[in-house]
Amino acid sequence: MNAWYFVFNASKKNAKASWISTWWMLGVAMLLPLSIGCNRSNPYLTPSPSGFTLANPTGAPDLQQQFNAQLAEVERRAKLLDDNNRQLTTQLAQSQQQMQLFKERSELMQRQLAEVNNQLQGSRLAAAQSTQQLRSMAERVQGIETATQRRGGAKLTANTSSRVNAGSIRELGFTVEDDDGVLRVRVPADQLFQTGTAQLTPSASNILDRIASTITADYRRQRISIEGHTDNSPLYGGTYTTSHQLAAAQSNAVLDHLTRRNQLPIAQLFTLAHGENYPIGDNQSPAGRSANRRIEFVIYPETW
């Protein structure tokens, strides 16, 4: 029985030892691939009797050089990008300055164009006024020639054989002179204007209204000139510097009143400015100077 007991214990110990050996072999089998895989994934480790060691211990400086080279390349590219960025910023600023300059030039050109347009419109208006003035001057020259011929003794051939009847015009109470068929109605300028001006007095409208009514009633077809005369007194500090300027302004004021207020046809009337050229009184006396300051309505036999 002791023998069987010994045999049983021995077999039991052998079985335990066999089980431990089996598990140990299985563990080694499992760890071996892992060690091989680590060796493959790390080229710097090689198997050795004492374990794994660096396969190429001299490769570390090469890696450092590669890293330094890559770092230098990165820094170079960063610097290049920084330079490009500064250049682009400078170009952008220059472009903005050029755009501002172009904007200012455009605004300046627009202002200049507006000024040119205004000047052009002003020139057109001035041209129209000049044309009107030329026409008016032509009419005045024609009237002056007519008046000069009459004063020089020349006779005008009337469009009608009859003479101008002075009956109705005399009823106004002014001096009327029959100058070889031409009637001259003399109205004192002192009754129409303030002294030395072309400003009509309040009583002037009544006088001019009566004259306009007579013209409309009896002389609507006759050509009529409005002639301004002055004395030889000098003009100081006023609007006009010469007697002709004053005479022209006064005759034009009468023309404006007759055509605007009394609606006489503008084609029937024209103005002349004689100034002090044809005095009828002595300029050395107050009475003579007063007589020389006058407006003459000259009624011609010619019709319009």
Protein backbone atom coordinates (compact mmCIF):
# COMPACT_ATOMS: atom_id res chain seq x y z
CA MET A 1 0.00 0.00 0.00
CA ASN A 2 2.84 2.37 0.69
CA ALA A 3 4.16 1.59 -2.73
CA TRP A 4 0.89 2.56 -4.36
CA TYR A 5 0.84 5.75 -2.37
CA PHE A 6 4.32 6.67 -3.56
CA VAL A 7 3.44 5.94 -7.13
CA PHE A 8 0.28 8.06 -6.87
CA ASN A 9 2.18 11.02 -5.41
CA ALA A 10 4.91 10.76 -8.00
CA SER A 11 2.41 10.74 -10.83
CA LYS A 12 0.64 13.69 -9.23
CA LYS A 13 3.89 15.71 -9.06
CA ASN A 14 4.73 14.83 -12.64
CA ALA A 15 1.31 15.95 -13.83
CA LYS A 16 1.69 19.29 -11.99
CA ALA A 17 5.14 19.79 -13.49
CA SER A 18 3.83 18.93 -16.95
CA TRP A 19 0.99 21.45 -16.56
CA ILE A 20 3.39 24.23 -15.52
CA SER A 21 5.74 23.43 -18.40
CA THR A 22 2.90 23.51 -20.83
CA TRP A 23 1.71 26.97 -19.69
CA TRP A 24 5.27 28.29 -19.74
CA MET A 25 5.76 27.19 -23.33
CA LEU A 26 2.46 28.79 -24.32
CA GLY A 27 3.55 32.13 -22.78
CA VAL A 28 6.85 32.09 -24.61
CA ALA A 29 5.04 31.33 -27.84
CA MET A 30 2.80 34.34 -27.29
CA LEU A 31 5.59 36.76 -26.36
CA LEU A 32 7.84 35.81 -29.22
CA PRO A 33 5.78 37.44 -31.99
CA LEU A 34 5.45 40.59 -29.92
CA SER A 35 9.21 40.82 -29.51
CA ILE A 36 9.69 40.24 -33.18
CA GLY A 37 7.10 42.94 -34.03
CA CYS A 38 8.79 45.47 -31.76
CA ASN A 39 12.06 44.68 -33.41
CA ARG A 40 10.50 45.29 -36.86
CA SER A 41 8.81 48.55 -35.86
CA ASN A 42 11.97 49.98 -34.28
CA PRO A 43 14.91 49.72 -36.68
CA TYR A 44 17.30 50.84 -33.97
CA LEU A 45 16.66 47.74 -31.79
CA THR A 46 18.29 44.35 -32.59
CA PRO A 47 17.99 41.12 -30.65
CA SER A 48 20.97 40.09 -28.59
CA PRO A 49 21.64 37.42 -25.96
CA SER A 50 21.11 40.00 -23.27
CA GLY A 51 18.00 41.61 -24.89
CA PHE A 52 17.34 44.40 -27.56
CA THR A 53 19.92 47.10 -28.33
CA LEU A 54 20.20 50.10 -30.77
CA ALA A 55 20.83 48.77 -34.25
CA ASN A 56 22.55 51.99 -35.46
CA PRO A 57 23.75 54.12 -32.61
CA THR A 58 25.45 56.52 -35.15
CA GLY A 59 22.05 57.43 -36.79
CA ALA A 60 21.07 59.92 -34.09
CA PRO A 61 23.33 62.71 -35.49
CA ASP A 62 21.84 62.14 -38.96
CA LEU A 63 18.35 62.60 -37.54
CA GLN A 64 19.47 65.77 -35.82
CA GLN A 65 20.92 67.10 -39.07
CA GLN A 66 17.73 66.25 -40.94
CA PHE A 67 15.64 67.96 -38.27
CA ASN A 68 17.88 71.03 -38.36
CA ALA A 69 17.67 71.13 -42.16
CA GLN A 70 13.89 70.84 -42.09
CA LEU A 71 13.67 73.49 -39.40
CA ALA A 72 15.88 75.80 -41.46
CA GLU A 73 13.68 75.19 -44.51
CA VAL A 74 10.56 76.01 -42.49
CA GLU A 75 12.15 79.18 -41.19
CA ARG A 76 13.21 80.15 -44.71
CA ARG A 77 9.70 79.67 -46.03
CA ALA A 78 8.24 81.58 -43.10
CA LYS A 79 10.60 84.46 -43.78
CA LEU A 80 9.70 84.34 -47.48
CA LEU A 81 6.00 84.46 -46.61
CA ASP A 82 6.65 87.34 -44.25
CA ASP A 83 8.49 89.23 -47.00
CA ASN A 84 5.68 88.54 -49.45
CA ASN A 85 3.16 89.74 -46.87
CA ARG A 86 5.05 93.00 -46.40
CA GLN A 87 5.24 93.50 -50.16
CA LEU A 88 1.51 92.87 -50.55
CA THR A 89 0.77 95.28 -47.71
CA THR A 90 2.91 97.94 -49.38
CA GLN A 91 1.26 97.35 -52.75
CA LEU A 92 -2.20 97.55 -51.13
CA ALA A 93 -1.33 100.87 -49.51
CA GLN A 94 -0.01 102.19 -52.84
CA SER A 95 -3.17 101.01 -54.61
CA GLN A 96 -5.34 102.76 -52.02
CA GLN A 97 -3.33 105.97 -52.48
CA GLN A 98 -3.72 105.74 -56.26
CA MET A 99 -7.46 105.13 -55.91
CA GLN A 100 -7.77 108.19 -53.65
CA LEU A 101 -5.75 110.22 -56.16
CA PHE A 102 -7.96 109.04 -59.04
CA LYS A 103 -11.05 109.92 -56.99
CA GLU A 104 -9.78 113.42 -56.29
CA ARG A 105 -8.87 113.91 -59.96
CA SER A 106 -12.31 112.69 -60.99
CA GLU A 107 -14.01 115.12 -58.60
CA LEU A 108 -11.78 117.93 -59.87
CA MET A 109 -12.64 117.10 -63.49
CA GLN A 110 -16.34 117.05 -62.63
CA ARG A 111 -16.07 120.48 -61.02
CA GLN A 112 -14.13 121.81 -63.99
CA LEU A 113 -16.72 120.34 -66.37
CA ALA A 114 -19.51 122.01 -64.39
CA GLU A 115 -17.63 125.32 -64.55
CA VAL A 116 -17.13 124.93 -68.30
CA ASN A 117 -20.84 124.22 -68.74
CA ASN A 118 -21.69 127.30 -66.70
CA GLN A 119 -19.27 129.38 -68.74
CA LEU A 120 -20.74 127.98 -71.95
CA GLN A 121 -24.25 128.87 -70.83
CA GLY A 122 -23.02 132.32 -69.84
CA SER A 123 -21.36 132.72 -73.22
CA ARG A 124 -24.56 131.73 -75.00
CA LEU A 125 -26.53 134.20 -72.92
CA ALA A 126 -23.94 136.91 -73.55
CA ALA A 127 -24.05 136.12 -77.28
CA ALA A 128 -27.83 136.45 -77.28
CA GLN A 129 -27.59 139.75 -75.39
CA SER A 130 -24.90 140.96 -77.77
CA THR A 131 -27.11 140.12 -80.74
CA GLN A 132 -29.97 142.05 -79.19
CA GLN A 133 -27.66 144.97 -78.44
CA LEU A 134 -26.38 144.95 -82.02
CA ARG A 135 -29.92 145.11 -83.31
CA SER A 136 -30.72 147.95 -80.93
CA MET A 137 -27.54 149.78 -81.96
CA ALA A 138 -28.39 149.32 -85.61
CA GLU A 139 -31.80 150.89 -85.01
CA ARG A 140 -30.18 153.75 -83.09
CA VAL A 141 -27.64 154.33 -85.84
CA GLN A 142 -30.42 154.44 -88.36
CA GLY A 143 -32.30 156.95 -86.20
CA ILE A 144 -29.17 159.05 -85.72
CA GLU A 145 -28.58 159.11 -89.45
CA THR A 146 -32.16 160.17 -89.99
CA ALA A 147 -31.97 162.87 -87.33
CA THR A 148 -28.59 164.08 -88.64
CA GLN A 149 -29.91 164.36 -92.16
CA ARG A 150 -32.83 166.42 -90.98
CA ARG A 151 -30.68 168.69 -88.88
CA GLY A 152 -28.30 169.12 -91.82
CA GLY A 153 -31.13 170.28 -94.08
CA ALA A 154 -31.71 166.98 -95.91
CA LYS A 155 -35.29 165.96 -96.49
CA LEU A 156 -36.72 162.49 -96.04
CA THR A 157 -39.23 161.21 -98.52
CA ALA A 158 -42.32 160.23 -96.57
CA ASN A 159 -44.27 157.10 -97.29
CA THR A 160 -47.38 159.22 -97.34
CA SER A 161 -47.95 162.53 -99.10
CA SER A 162 -49.66 164.10 -96.09
CA ARG A 163 -47.87 165.89 -93.32
CA VAL A 164 -48.18 164.93 -89.67
CA ASN A 165 -51.07 166.80 -88.12
CA ALA A 166 -49.97 168.54 -84.94
CA GLY A 167 -53.44 169.50 -83.73
CA SER A 168 -54.02 166.74 -81.15
CA ILE A 169 -50.45 166.63 -79.84
CA ARG A 170 -50.52 170.36 -79.07
CA GLU A 171 -53.40 169.82 -76.68
CA LEU A 172 -50.99 168.12 -74.24
CA GLY A 173 -49.54 171.50 -73.33
CA PHE A 174 -45.92 170.87 -74.34
CA THR A 175 -43.82 172.75 -76.87
CA VAL A 176 -44.38 171.29 -80.34
CA GLU A 177 -42.09 172.23 -83.24
CA ASP A 178 -42.95 171.48 -86.87
CA ASP A 179 -39.60 170.66 -88.44
CA ASP A 180 -40.49 170.41 -92.17
CA GLY A 181 -43.20 167.86 -91.66
CA VAL A 182 -41.62 166.23 -88.61
CA LEU A 183 -43.14 167.01 -85.23
CA ARG A 184 -40.92 167.49 -82.20
CA VAL A 185 -42.69 167.36 -78.86
CA ARG A 186 -40.41 168.68 -76.09
CA VAL A 187 -41.06 167.45 -72.57
CA PRO A 188 -38.85 168.91 -69.80
CA ALA A 189 -36.75 166.19 -68.25
CA ASP A 190 -37.20 167.79 -64.84
CA GLN A 191 -40.91 166.84 -65.04
CA LEU A 192 -40.04 163.20 -65.73
CA PHE A 193 -36.84 162.43 -63.81
CA GLN A 194 -35.07 163.20 -60.62
CA THR A 195 -32.13 165.49 -61.34
CA GLY A 196 -29.10 163.67 -62.73
CA THR A 197 -30.83 160.26 -62.77
CA ALA A 198 -32.99 158.04 -64.98
CA GLN A 199 -35.47 157.41 -62.15
CA LEU A 200 -38.99 158.45 -63.14
CA THR A 201 -40.82 160.78 -60.75
CA PRO A 202 -44.30 159.92 -59.43
CA SER A 203 -45.85 162.53 -61.75
CA ALA A 204 -44.09 161.10 -64.82
CA SER A 205 -46.57 158.26 -65.25
CA ASN A 206 -49.48 160.69 -65.75
CA ILE A 207 -47.53 162.64 -68.39
CA LEU A 208 -46.41 159.53 -70.28
CA ASP A 209 -49.90 158.00 -70.09
CA ARG A 210 -51.36 161.09 -71.81
CA ILE A 211 -48.66 161.00 -74.50
CA ALA A 212 -49.26 157.27 -75.08
CA SER A 213 -53.02 157.83 -75.41
CA THR A 214 -52.47 160.53 -78.03
CA ILE A 215 -50.04 158.32 -79.98
CA THR A 216 -52.50 155.43 -79.93
CA ALA A 217 -55.37 157.63 -81.07
CA ASP A 218 -53.72 159.72 -83.80
CA TYR A 219 -50.20 158.43 -84.58
CA ARG A 220 -50.41 154.66 -84.30
CA ARG A 221 -48.80 154.11 -87.72
CA GLN A 222 -46.04 156.75 -87.51
CA ARG A 223 -42.46 155.98 -86.61
CA ILE A 224 -41.54 157.79 -83.36
CA SER A 225 -38.13 158.33 -81.82
CA ILE A 226 -37.50 159.13 -78.17
CA GLU A 227 -34.47 161.41 -77.97
CA GLY A 228 -32.64 162.28 -74.76
CA HIS A 229 -30.94 165.67 -74.27
CA THR A 230 -28.98 167.06 -71.32
CA ASP A 231 -27.16 170.24 -70.36
CA ASN A 232 -23.39 170.50 -70.09
CA SER A 233 -23.23 170.22 -66.30
CA PRO A 234 -20.61 167.69 -65.10
CA LEU A 235 -21.82 164.55 -63.35
CA TYR A 236 -20.27 163.73 -59.98
CA GLY A 237 -20.62 160.57 -57.90
CA GLY A 238 -23.65 159.24 -59.75
CA THR A 239 -24.38 156.15 -61.80
CA TYR A 240 -23.46 157.87 -65.07
CA THR A 241 -20.15 159.50 -65.96
CA THR A 242 -21.07 161.16 -69.27
CA SER A 243 -24.06 163.13 -70.52
CA HIS A 244 -24.63 160.58 -73.28
CA GLN A 245 -24.95 157.78 -70.73
CA LEU A 246 -27.53 159.78 -68.80
CA ALA A 247 -29.45 160.72 -71.97
CA ALA A 248 -29.48 157.09 -73.14
CA ALA A 249 -30.70 155.84 -69.75
CA GLN A 250 -33.52 158.43 -69.66
CA SER A 251 -34.73 157.73 -73.19
CA ASN A 252 -34.68 153.97 -72.51
CA ALA A 253 -36.67 154.48 -69.30
CA VAL A 254 -39.37 156.33 -71.29
CA LEU A 255 -39.37 153.60 -73.95
CA ASP A 256 -39.75 150.92 -71.29
CA HIS A 257 -42.69 152.75 -69.71
CA LEU A 258 -44.52 153.22 -73.01
CA THR A 259 -44.07 149.61 -74.14
CA ARG A 260 -44.67 147.91 -70.79
CA ARG A 261 -47.28 150.06 -69.09
CA ASN A 262 -49.00 151.59 -72.13
CA GLN A 263 -48.51 148.60 -74.46
CA LEU A 264 -47.23 150.64 -77.43
CA PRO A 265 -45.62 148.46 -80.14
CA ILE A 266 -41.87 148.17 -79.69
CA ALA A 267 -41.45 148.17 -83.47
CA GLN A 268 -42.93 151.68 -83.67
CA LEU A 269 -40.45 153.29 -81.26
CA PHE A 270 -36.69 153.72 -81.07
CA THR A 271 -34.37 155.78 -78.87
CA LEU A 272 -31.54 158.24 -79.46
CA ALA A 273 -29.10 159.78 -76.97
CA HIS A 274 -27.79 163.21 -77.99
CA GLY A 275 -26.50 164.30 -74.60
CA GLU A 276 -25.43 167.97 -74.65
CA ASN A 277 -24.86 168.11 -78.42
CA TYR A 278 -28.02 170.04 -79.41
CA PRO A 279 -28.75 172.69 -76.80
CA ILE A 280 -31.77 174.99 -77.27
CA GLY A 281 -30.89 177.27 -74.38
CA ASP A 282 -27.86 178.97 -72.91
CA ASN A 283 -25.93 176.59 -70.66
CA GLN A 284 -24.52 179.61 -68.83
CA SER A 285 -27.88 180.29 -67.19
CA PRO A 286 -30.10 178.10 -65.00
CA ALA A 287 -33.09 178.64 -67.28
CA GLY A 288 -31.07 177.68 -70.35
CA ARG A 289 -29.73 174.55 -68.72
CA SER A 290 -33.25 173.59 -67.64
CA ALA A 291 -34.48 173.98 -71.24
CA ASN A 292 -31.64 171.82 -72.52
CA ARG A 293 -32.61 168.97 -70.18
CA ARG A 294 -35.46 167.46 -72.18
CA ILE A 295 -37.00 164.42 -73.82
CA GLU A 296 -38.15 164.94 -77.41
CA PHE A 297 -40.80 162.74 -79.02
CA VAL A 298 -40.08 162.99 -82.75
CA ILE A 299 -43.01 161.89 -84.90
CA TYR A 300 -42.07 161.06 -88.50
CA PRO A 301 -44.42 160.90 -91.50
CA GLU A 302 -43.00 157.47 -92.32
CA THR A 303 -45.08 154.50 -91.23
CA TRP A 304 -43.96 151.17 -89.89
